[in-house]
Amino acid sequence: MEVIACLPTLEDLRQHVLNILCAHDNLDAEQTPLIQQLLMRRGKPCGLRFEVQGPRRVRCSALWVGEEDRILFYDSGGVRFHETRTSEAPDPLKLAG
């Protein structure tokens, strides 16, 4: 089943990513910090990398590839466990500003 989400703002995108990552490892989204890092391609912003860290060395991550309108979710072992397609998302070129 393909998940499609409308995430027009950066905050909507962050909240969606945090909820999926925390649900996967039974973490409390209210108390789990979300780390983000800007992804660049040919000197231009193209997306974001997100990560949450939990107890027992749990480290899940997600990649938002703005040009492809999708978010890829990975577990602590690096195995993809979920994908969300975006029908609307922030413009990745405006992330650097």
PDB file of N, CA and C in Angstrom:
ATOM      1  N   MET A   1       0.839  -1.182   0.000  1.00  0.00           N
ATOM      2  CA  MET A   1       0.000   0.000   0.000  1.00  0.00           C
ATOM      3  C   MET A   1       0.884   1.246   0.000  1.00  0.00           C
ATOM      4  N   GLU A   2       0.619   2.157  -0.892  1.00  0.00           N
ATOM      5  CA  GLU A   2       1.384   3.385  -0.996  1.00  0.00           C
ATOM      6  C   GLU A   2       0.731   4.463  -0.145  1.00  0.00           C
ATOM      7  N   VAL A   3       1.536   5.138   0.667  1.00  0.00           N
ATOM      8  CA  VAL A   3       1.051   6.229   1.504  1.00  0.00           C
ATOM      9  C   VAL A   3       1.355   7.534   0.788  1.00  0.00           C
ATOM     10  N   ILE A   4       0.335   8.371   0.653  1.00  0.00           N
ATOM     11  CA  ILE A   4       0.496   9.687   0.053  1.00  0.00           C
ATOM     12  C   ILE A   4       0.058  10.714   1.089  1.00  0.00           C
ATOM     13  N   ALA A   5       0.899  11.722   1.319  1.00  0.00           N
ATOM     14  CA  ALA A   5       0.593  12.734   2.324  1.00  0.00           C
ATOM     15  C   ALA A   5       0.788  14.132   1.760  1.00  0.00           C
ATOM     16  N   CYS A   6      -0.066  15.042   2.186  1.00  0.00           N
ATOM     17  CA  CYS A   6       0.057  16.457   1.843  1.00  0.00           C
ATOM     18  C   CYS A   6       0.789  17.126   3.006  1.00  0.00           C
ATOM     19  N   LEU A   7       2.019  17.557   2.773  1.00  0.00           N
ATOM     20  CA  LEU A   7       2.862  18.150   3.813  1.00  0.00           C
ATOM     21  C   LEU A   7       3.390  19.497   3.315  1.00  0.00           C
ATOM     22  N   PRO A   8       2.528  20.510   3.272  1.00  0.00           N
ATOM     23  CA  PRO A   8       2.897  21.777   2.627  1.00  0.00           C
ATOM     24  C   PRO A   8       3.967  22.602   3.334  1.00  0.00           C
ATOM     25  N   THR A   9       4.136  22.404   4.643  1.00  0.00           N
ATOM     26  CA  THR A   9       5.127  23.209   5.361  1.00  0.00           C
ATOM     27  C   THR A   9       6.238  22.316   5.894  1.00  0.00           C
ATOM     28  N   LEU A  10       7.347  22.955   6.218  1.00  0.00           N
ATOM     29  CA  LEU A  10       8.473  22.221   6.787  1.00  0.00           C
ATOM     30  C   LEU A  10       8.079  21.592   8.129  1.00  0.00           C
ATOM     31  N   GLU A  11       7.273  22.293   8.920  1.00  0.00           N
ATOM     32  CA  GLU A  11       6.829  21.751  10.204  1.00  0.00           C
ATOM     33  C   GLU A  11       5.929  20.534  10.006  1.00  0.00           C
ATOM     34  N   ASP A  12       5.059  20.548   9.006  1.00  0.00           N
ATOM     35  CA  ASP A  12       4.227  19.372   8.696  1.00  0.00           C
ATOM     36  C   ASP A  12       5.107  18.183   8.319  1.00  0.00           C
ATOM     37  N   LEU A  13       6.115  18.445   7.518  1.00  0.00           N
ATOM     38  CA  LEU A  13       7.050  17.405   7.096  1.00  0.00           C
ATOM     39  C   LEU A  13       7.788  16.827   8.297  1.00  0.00           C
ATOM     40  N   ARG A  14       8.314  17.680   9.152  1.00  0.00           N
ATOM     41  CA  ARG A  14       9.024  17.227  10.355  1.00  0.00           C
ATOM     42  C   ARG A  14       8.129  16.373  11.251  1.00  0.00           C
ATOM     43  N   GLN A  15       6.907  16.837  11.477  1.00  0.00           N
ATOM     44  CA  GLN A  15       5.995  16.118  12.364  1.00  0.00           C
ATOM     45  C   GLN A  15       5.641  14.746  11.794  1.00  0.00           C
ATOM     46  N   HIS A  16       5.423  14.666  10.496  1.00  0.00           N
ATOM     47  CA  HIS A  16       5.128  13.385   9.851  1.00  0.00           C
ATOM     48  C   HIS A  16       6.304  12.419  10.023  1.00  0.00           C
ATOM     49  N   VAL A  17       7.496  12.896   9.758  1.00  0.00           N
ATOM     50  CA  VAL A  17       8.698  12.061   9.888  1.00  0.00           C
ATOM     51  C   VAL A  17       8.873  11.595  11.331  1.00  0.00           C
ATOM     52  N   LEU A  18       8.749  12.514  12.278  1.00  0.00           N
ATOM     53  CA  LEU A  18       8.900  12.170  13.694  1.00  0.00           C
ATOM     54  C   LEU A  18       7.881  11.112  14.115  1.00  0.00           C
ATOM     55  N   ASN A  19       6.636  11.275  13.700  1.00  0.00           N
ATOM     56  CA  ASN A  19       5.593  10.316  14.072  1.00  0.00           C
ATOM     57  C   ASN A  19       5.869   8.921  13.514  1.00  0.00           C
ATOM     58  N   ILE A  20       6.283   8.826  12.261  1.00  0.00           N
ATOM     59  CA  ILE A  20       6.557   7.519  11.637  1.00  0.00           C
ATOM     60  C   ILE A  20       7.764   6.859  12.305  1.00  0.00           C
ATOM     61  N   LEU A  21       8.845   7.625  12.494  1.00  0.00           N
ATOM     62  CA  LEU A  21      10.051   7.049  13.100  1.00  0.00           C
ATOM     63  C   LEU A  21       9.789   6.587  14.533  1.00  0.00           C
ATOM     64  N   CYS A  22       9.092   7.395  15.309  1.00  0.00           N
ATOM     65  CA  CYS A  22       8.816   7.026  16.702  1.00  0.00           C
ATOM     66  C   CYS A  22       7.859   5.840  16.790  1.00  0.00           C
ATOM     67  N   ALA A  23       6.856   5.805  15.943  1.00  0.00           N
ATOM     68  CA  ALA A  23       5.912   4.680  15.960  1.00  0.00           C
ATOM     69  C   ALA A  23       6.616   3.368  15.633  1.00  0.00           C
ATOM     70  N   HIS A  24       7.578   3.417  14.740  1.00  0.00           N
ATOM     71  CA  HIS A  24       8.284   2.193  14.331  1.00  0.00           C
ATOM     72  C   HIS A  24       9.024   1.545  15.501  1.00  0.00           C
ATOM     73  N   ASP A  25       9.612   2.362  16.374  1.00  0.00           N
ATOM     74  CA  ASP A  25      10.387   1.824  17.497  1.00  0.00           C
ATOM     75  C   ASP A  25       9.749   2.089  18.856  1.00  0.00           C
ATOM     76  N   ASN A  26       8.448   2.370  18.854  1.00  0.00           N
ATOM     77  CA  ASN A  26       7.711   2.601  20.103  1.00  0.00           C
ATOM     78  C   ASN A  26       8.363   3.678  20.975  1.00  0.00           C
ATOM     79  N   LEU A  27       8.743   4.775  20.367  1.00  0.00           N
ATOM     80  CA  LEU A  27       9.315   5.907  21.093  1.00  0.00           C
ATOM     81  C   LEU A  27       8.232   6.963  21.285  1.00  0.00           C
ATOM     82  N   ASP A  28       8.362   7.754  22.318  1.00  0.00           N
ATOM     83  CA  ASP A  28       7.420   8.829  22.604  1.00  0.00           C
ATOM     84  C   ASP A  28       7.803  10.050  21.761  1.00  0.00           C
ATOM     85  N   ALA A  29       6.954  10.396  20.801  1.00  0.00           N
ATOM     86  CA  ALA A  29       7.253  11.515  19.901  1.00  0.00           C
ATOM     87  C   ALA A  29       7.335  12.847  20.639  1.00  0.00           C
ATOM     88  N   GLU A  30       6.684  12.952  21.783  1.00  0.00           N
ATOM     89  CA  GLU A  30       6.711  14.190  22.565  1.00  0.00           C
ATOM     90  C   GLU A  30       8.069  14.400  23.239  1.00  0.00           C
ATOM     91  N   GLN A  31       8.811  13.298  23.463  1.00  0.00           N
ATOM     92  CA  GLN A  31      10.067  13.404  24.198  1.00  0.00           C
ATOM     93  C   GLN A  31      11.293  13.025  23.369  1.00  0.00           C
ATOM     94  N   THR A  32      11.095  12.654  22.127  1.00  0.00           N
ATOM     95  CA  THR A  32      12.210  12.233  21.274  1.00  0.00           C
ATOM     96  C   THR A  32      12.637  13.381  20.371  1.00  0.00           C
ATOM     97  N   PRO A  33      13.879  13.830  20.499  1.00  0.00           N
ATOM     98  CA  PRO A  33      14.335  14.920  19.627  1.00  0.00           C
ATOM     99  C   PRO A  33      14.542  14.435  18.189  1.00  0.00           C
ATOM    100  N   LEU A  34      14.232  15.307  17.259  1.00  0.00           N
ATOM    101  CA  LEU A  34      14.418  15.028  15.841  1.00  0.00           C
ATOM    102  C   LEU A  34      15.593  15.856  15.344  1.00  0.00           C
ATOM    103  N   ILE A  35      16.602  15.189  14.838  1.00  0.00           N
ATOM    104  CA  ILE A  35      17.792  15.851  14.300  1.00  0.00           C
ATOM    105  C   ILE A  35      17.612  15.950  12.784  1.00  0.00           C
ATOM    106  N   GLN A  36      17.966  17.074  12.210  1.00  0.00           N
ATOM    107  CA  GLN A  36      17.857  17.192  10.755  1.00  0.00           C
ATOM    108  C   GLN A  36      19.134  17.789  10.173  1.00  0.00           C
ATOM    109  N   GLN A  37      19.409  17.385   8.941  1.00  0.00           N
ATOM    110  CA  GLN A  37      20.606  17.838   8.234  1.00  0.00           C
ATOM    111  C   GLN A  37      20.221  18.112   6.784  1.00  0.00           C
ATOM    112  N   LEU A  38      20.684  19.216   6.267  1.00  0.00           N
ATOM    113  CA  LEU A  38      20.399  19.617   4.893  1.00  0.00           C
ATOM    114  C   LEU A  38      21.179  18.742   3.919  1.00  0.00           C
ATOM    115  N   LEU A  39      20.514  18.265   2.884  1.00  0.00           N
ATOM    116  CA  LEU A  39      21.171  17.487   1.824  1.00  0.00           C
ATOM    117  C   LEU A  39      21.394  18.405   0.625  1.00  0.00           C
ATOM    118  N   MET A  40      22.582  18.309   0.044  1.00  0.00           N
ATOM    119  CA  MET A  40      22.933  19.155  -1.100  1.00  0.00           C
ATOM    120  C   MET A  40      23.268  18.267  -2.308  1.00  0.00           C
ATOM    121  N   ARG A  41      22.905  18.760  -3.485  1.00  0.00           N
ATOM    122  CA  ARG A  41      23.278  18.101  -4.734  1.00  0.00           C
ATOM    123  C   ARG A  41      23.716  19.204  -5.694  1.00  0.00           C
ATOM    124  N   ARG A  42      24.962  19.092  -6.176  1.00  0.00           N
ATOM    125  CA  ARG A  42      25.542  20.090  -7.073  1.00  0.00           C
ATOM    126  C   ARG A  42      25.453  21.497  -6.496  1.00  0.00           C
ATOM    127  N   GLY A  43      25.690  21.596  -5.180  1.00  0.00           N
ATOM    128  CA  GLY A  43      25.716  22.888  -4.526  1.00  0.00           C
ATOM    129  C   GLY A  43      24.358  23.487  -4.191  1.00  0.00           C
ATOM    130  N   LYS A  44      23.269  22.750  -4.454  1.00  0.00           N
ATOM    131  CA  LYS A  44      21.932  23.261  -4.179  1.00  0.00           C
ATOM    132  C   LYS A  44      21.214  22.324  -3.206  1.00  0.00           C
ATOM    133  N   PRO A  45      20.391  22.881  -2.305  1.00  0.00           N
ATOM    134  CA  PRO A  45      19.634  22.027  -1.391  1.00  0.00           C
ATOM    135  C   PRO A  45      18.647  21.162  -2.168  1.00  0.00           C
ATOM    136  N   CYS A  46      18.579  19.883  -1.801  1.00  0.00           N
ATOM    137  CA  CYS A  46      17.668  18.974  -2.508  1.00  0.00           C
ATOM    138  C   CYS A  46      16.786  18.167  -1.559  1.00  0.00           C
ATOM    139  N   GLY A  47      17.014  18.291  -0.244  1.00  0.00           N
ATOM    140  CA  GLY A  47      16.209  17.548   0.702  1.00  0.00           C
ATOM    141  C   GLY A  47      16.791  17.614   2.098  1.00  0.00           C
ATOM    142  N   LEU A  48      16.286  16.738   2.957  1.00  0.00           N
ATOM    143  CA  LEU A  48      16.731  16.703   4.347  1.00  0.00           C
ATOM    144  C   LEU A  48      16.920  15.266   4.805  1.00  0.00           C
ATOM    145  N   ARG A  49      17.861  15.086   5.722  1.00  0.00           N
ATOM    146  CA  ARG A  49      18.044  13.804   6.410  1.00  0.00           C
ATOM    147  C   ARG A  49      17.615  14.012   7.845  1.00  0.00           C
ATOM    148  N   PHE A  50      16.759  13.127   8.333  1.00  0.00           N
ATOM    149  CA  PHE A  50      16.262  13.197   9.702  1.00  0.00           C
ATOM    150  C   PHE A  50      16.747  11.978  10.470  1.00  0.00           C
ATOM    151  N   GLU A  51      16.900  12.142  11.790  1.00  0.00           N
ATOM    152  CA  GLU A  51      17.288  11.012  12.633  1.00  0.00           C
ATOM    153  C   GLU A  51      16.700  11.187  14.029  1.00  0.00           C
ATOM    154  N   VAL A  52      16.257  10.065  14.602  1.00  0.00           N
ATOM    155  CA  VAL A  52      15.879  10.031  16.012  1.00  0.00           C
ATOM    156  C   VAL A  52      16.747   8.981  16.686  1.00  0.00           C
ATOM    157  N   GLN A  53      17.089   9.258  17.940  1.00  0.00           N
ATOM    158  CA  GLN A  53      17.899   8.324  18.716  1.00  0.00           C
ATOM    159  C   GLN A  53      17.120   7.954  19.964  1.00  0.00           C
ATOM    160  N   GLY A  54      17.032   6.666  20.206  1.00  0.00           N
ATOM    161  CA  GLY A  54      16.330   6.190  21.383  1.00  0.00           C
ATOM    162  C   GLY A  54      17.252   5.368  22.261  1.00  0.00           C
ATOM    163  N   PRO A  55      16.684   4.723  23.252  1.00  0.00           N
ATOM    164  CA  PRO A  55      17.486   3.865  24.128  1.00  0.00           C
ATOM    165  C   PRO A  55      17.987   2.634  23.376  1.00  0.00           C
ATOM    166  N   ARG A  56      18.951   1.969  23.928  1.00  0.00           N
ATOM    167  CA  ARG A  56      19.489   0.725  23.355  1.00  0.00           C
ATOM    168  C   ARG A  56      20.064   0.947  21.948  1.00  0.00           C
ATOM    169  N   ARG A  57      20.685   2.088  21.747  1.00  0.00           N
ATOM    170  CA  ARG A  57      21.327   2.428  20.462  1.00  0.00           C
ATOM    171  C   ARG A  57      20.370   2.424  19.268  1.00  0.00           C
ATOM    172  N   VAL A  58      19.130   2.687  19.524  1.00  0.00           N
ATOM    173  CA  VAL A  58      18.140   2.793  18.452  1.00  0.00           C
ATOM    174  C   VAL A  58      18.399   4.096  17.702  1.00  0.00           C
ATOM    175  N   ARG A  59      18.609   4.004  16.410  1.00  0.00           N
ATOM    176  CA  ARG A  59      18.823   5.173  15.558  1.00  0.00           C
ATOM    177  C   ARG A  59      18.092   4.947  14.245  1.00  0.00           C
ATOM    178  N   CYS A  60      16.943   5.534  14.113  1.00  0.00           N
ATOM    179  CA  CYS A  60      16.179   5.447  12.870  1.00  0.00           C
ATOM    180  C   CYS A  60      16.369   6.739  12.095  1.00  0.00           C
ATOM    181  N   SER A  61      16.244   6.644  10.790  1.00  0.00           N
ATOM    182  CA  SER A  61      16.439   7.841   9.978  1.00  0.00           C
ATOM    183  C   SER A  61      15.450   7.873   8.820  1.00  0.00           C
ATOM    184  N   ALA A  62      15.357   9.040   8.233  1.00  0.00           N
ATOM    185  CA  ALA A  62      14.498   9.233   7.067  1.00  0.00           C
ATOM    186  C   ALA A  62      15.177  10.229   6.138  1.00  0.00           C
ATOM    187  N   LEU A  63      14.978  10.018   4.858  1.00  0.00           N
ATOM    188  CA  LEU A  63      15.493  10.937   3.839  1.00  0.00           C
ATOM    189  C   LEU A  63      14.320  11.513   3.072  1.00  0.00           C
ATOM    190  N   TRP A  64      14.215  12.822   3.072  1.00  0.00           N
ATOM    191  CA  TRP A  64      13.226  13.482   2.231  1.00  0.00           C
ATOM    192  C   TRP A  64      13.951  13.934   0.982  1.00  0.00           C
ATOM    193  N   VAL A  65      13.578  13.346  -0.130  1.00  0.00           N
ATOM    194  CA  VAL A  65      14.165  13.683  -1.422  1.00  0.00           C
ATOM    195  C   VAL A  65      13.145  14.576  -2.124  1.00  0.00           C
ATOM    196  N   GLY A  66      13.326  15.879  -1.978  1.00  0.00           N
ATOM    197  CA  GLY A  66      12.347  16.838  -2.473  1.00  0.00           C
ATOM    198  C   GLY A  66      12.069  16.732  -3.956  1.00  0.00           C
ATOM    199  N   GLU A  67      13.096  16.483  -4.758  1.00  0.00           N
ATOM    200  CA  GLU A  67      12.931  16.402  -6.210  1.00  0.00           C
ATOM    201  C   GLU A  67      12.096  15.194  -6.630  1.00  0.00           C
ATOM    202  N   GLU A  68      12.081  14.162  -5.797  1.00  0.00           N
ATOM    203  CA  GLU A  68      11.347  12.928  -6.115  1.00  0.00           C
ATOM    204  C   GLU A  68      10.015  12.845  -5.386  1.00  0.00           C
ATOM    205  N   ASP A  69       9.693  13.847  -4.589  1.00  0.00           N
ATOM    206  CA  ASP A  69       8.438  13.882  -3.835  1.00  0.00           C
ATOM    207  C   ASP A  69       8.212  12.627  -2.997  1.00  0.00           C
ATOM    208  N   ARG A  70       9.245  12.217  -2.264  1.00  0.00           N
ATOM    209  CA  ARG A  70       9.086  11.052  -1.402  1.00  0.00           C
ATOM    210  C   ARG A  70      10.003  11.131  -0.186  1.00  0.00           C
ATOM    211  N   ILE A  71       9.587  10.400   0.846  1.00  0.00           N
ATOM    212  CA  ILE A  71      10.352  10.286   2.078  1.00  0.00           C
ATOM    213  C   ILE A  71      10.610   8.799   2.299  1.00  0.00           C
ATOM    214  N   LEU A  72      11.874   8.442   2.485  1.00  0.00           N
ATOM    215  CA  LEU A  72      12.276   7.053   2.692  1.00  0.00           C
ATOM    216  C   LEU A  72      12.678   6.881   4.148  1.00  0.00           C
ATOM    217  N   PHE A  73      12.144   5.853   4.808  1.00  0.00           N
ATOM    218  CA  PHE A  73      12.386   5.616   6.235  1.00  0.00           C
ATOM    219  C   PHE A  73      13.221   4.362   6.423  1.00  0.00           C
ATOM    220  N   TYR A  74      14.228   4.451   7.304  1.00  0.00           N
ATOM    221  CA  TYR A  74      15.150   3.336   7.545  1.00  0.00           C
ATOM    222  C   TYR A  74      15.234   3.026   9.035  1.00  0.00           C
ATOM    223  N   ASP A  75      15.338   1.735   9.358  1.00  0.00           N
ATOM    224  CA  ASP A  75      15.480   1.336  10.756  1.00  0.00           C
ATOM    225  C   ASP A  75      16.943   1.377  11.175  1.00  0.00           C
ATOM    226  N   SER A  76      17.220   0.944  12.403  1.00  0.00           N
ATOM    227  CA  SER A  76      18.586   1.000  12.936  1.00  0.00           C
ATOM    228  C   SER A  76      19.575   0.163  12.144  1.00  0.00           C
ATOM    229  N   GLY A  77      19.094  -0.869  11.477  1.00  0.00           N
ATOM    230  CA  GLY A  77      19.966  -1.722  10.673  1.00  0.00           C
ATOM    231  C   GLY A  77      20.142  -1.230   9.247  1.00  0.00           C
ATOM    232  N   GLY A  78      19.523  -0.099   8.908  1.00  0.00           N
ATOM    233  CA  GLY A  78      19.643   0.441   7.560  1.00  0.00           C
ATOM    234  C   GLY A  78      18.663  -0.146   6.565  1.00  0.00           C
ATOM    235  N   VAL A  79      17.667  -0.877   7.064  1.00  0.00           N
ATOM    236  CA  VAL A  79      16.666  -1.501   6.188  1.00  0.00           C
ATOM    237  C   VAL A  79      15.481  -0.544   6.030  1.00  0.00           C
ATOM    238  N   ARG A  80      15.075  -0.316   4.793  1.00  0.00           N
ATOM    239  CA  ARG A  80      13.937   0.569   4.546  1.00  0.00           C
ATOM    240  C   ARG A  80      12.665  -0.123   5.036  1.00  0.00           C
ATOM    241  N   PHE A  81      11.888   0.594   5.847  1.00  0.00           N
ATOM    242  CA  PHE A  81      10.657   0.008   6.378  1.00  0.00           C
ATOM    243  C   PHE A  81       9.402   0.747   5.950  1.00  0.00           C
ATOM    244  N   HIS A  82       9.563   1.923   5.340  1.00  0.00           N
ATOM    245  CA  HIS A  82       8.372   2.691   4.969  1.00  0.00           C
ATOM    246  C   HIS A  82       8.745   3.723   3.903  1.00  0.00           C
ATOM    247  N   GLU A  83       7.749   4.096   3.114  1.00  0.00           N
ATOM    248  CA  GLU A  83       7.922   5.174   2.141  1.00  0.00           C
ATOM    249  C   GLU A  83       6.653   5.991   2.095  1.00  0.00           C
ATOM    250  N   THR A  84       6.810   7.307   2.077  1.00  0.00           N
ATOM    251  CA  THR A  84       5.677   8.217   1.923  1.00  0.00           C
ATOM    252  C   THR A  84       5.920   9.056   0.683  1.00  0.00           C
ATOM    253  N   ARG A  85       4.935   9.116  -0.172  1.00  0.00           N
ATOM    254  CA  ARG A  85       4.968  10.029  -1.317  1.00  0.00           C
ATOM    255  C   ARG A  85       4.275  11.308  -0.897  1.00  0.00           C
ATOM    256  N   THR A  86       4.794  12.439  -1.345  1.00  0.00           N
ATOM    257  CA  THR A  86       4.184  13.716  -0.981  1.00  0.00           C
ATOM    258  C   THR A  86       3.432  14.300  -2.167  1.00  0.00           C
ATOM    259  N   SER A  87       2.194  14.701  -1.916  1.00  0.00           N
ATOM    260  CA  SER A  87       1.415  15.369  -2.957  1.00  0.00           C
ATOM    261  C   SER A  87       1.712  16.871  -2.954  1.00  0.00           C
ATOM    262  N   GLU A  88       2.160  17.344  -1.801  1.00  0.00           N
ATOM    263  CA  GLU A  88       2.578  18.738  -1.653  1.00  0.00           C
ATOM    264  C   GLU A  88       3.636  18.771  -0.565  1.00  0.00           C
ATOM    265  N   ALA A  89       4.707  19.528  -0.801  1.00  0.00           N
ATOM    266  CA  ALA A  89       5.801  19.611   0.167  1.00  0.00           C
ATOM    267  C   ALA A  89       6.516  20.942  -0.024  1.00  0.00           C
ATOM    268  N   PRO A  90       7.330  21.326   0.960  1.00  0.00           N
ATOM    269  CA  PRO A  90       8.081  22.590   0.807  1.00  0.00           C
ATOM    270  C   PRO A  90       9.036  22.522  -0.392  1.00  0.00           C
ATOM    271  N   ASP A  91       9.425  23.684  -0.880  1.00  0.00           N
ATOM    272  CA  ASP A  91      10.386  23.759  -1.963  1.00  0.00           C
ATOM    273  C   ASP A  91      11.792  23.530  -1.408  1.00  0.00           C
ATOM    274  N   PRO A  92      12.477  22.452  -1.825  1.00  0.00           N
ATOM    275  CA  PRO A  92      13.804  22.181  -1.274  1.00  0.00           C
ATOM    276  C   PRO A  92      14.819  23.300  -1.561  1.00  0.00           C
ATOM    277  N   LEU A  93      14.643  24.047  -2.622  1.00  0.00           N
ATOM    278  CA  LEU A  93      15.583  25.128  -2.951  1.00  0.00           C
ATOM    279  C   LEU A  93      15.513  26.280  -1.947  1.00  0.00           C
ATOM    280  N   LYS A  94      14.424  26.362  -1.190  1.00  0.00           N
ATOM    281  CA  LYS A  94      14.265  27.440  -0.207  1.00  0.00           C
ATOM    282  C   LYS A  94      14.747  27.039   1.188  1.00  0.00           C
ATOM    283  N   LEU A  95      15.310  25.850   1.332  1.00  0.00           N
ATOM    284  CA  LEU A  95      15.733  25.368   2.642  1.00  0.00           C
ATOM    285  C   LEU A  95      17.001  26.044   3.144  1.00  0.00           C
ATOM    286  N   ALA A  96      17.867  26.439   2.272  1.00  0.00           N
ATOM    287  CA  ALA A  96      19.157  27.012   2.685  1.00  0.00           C
ATOM    288  C   ALA A  96      18.995  28.415   3.267  1.00  0.00           C
ATOM    289  N   GLY A  97      17.923  29.108   2.928  1.00  0.00           N
ATOM    290  CA  GLY A  97      17.747  30.480   3.370  1.00  0.00           C
ATOM    291  C   GLY A  97      17.234  30.633   4.720  1.00  0.00           C
TER     292      GLY A  97
END
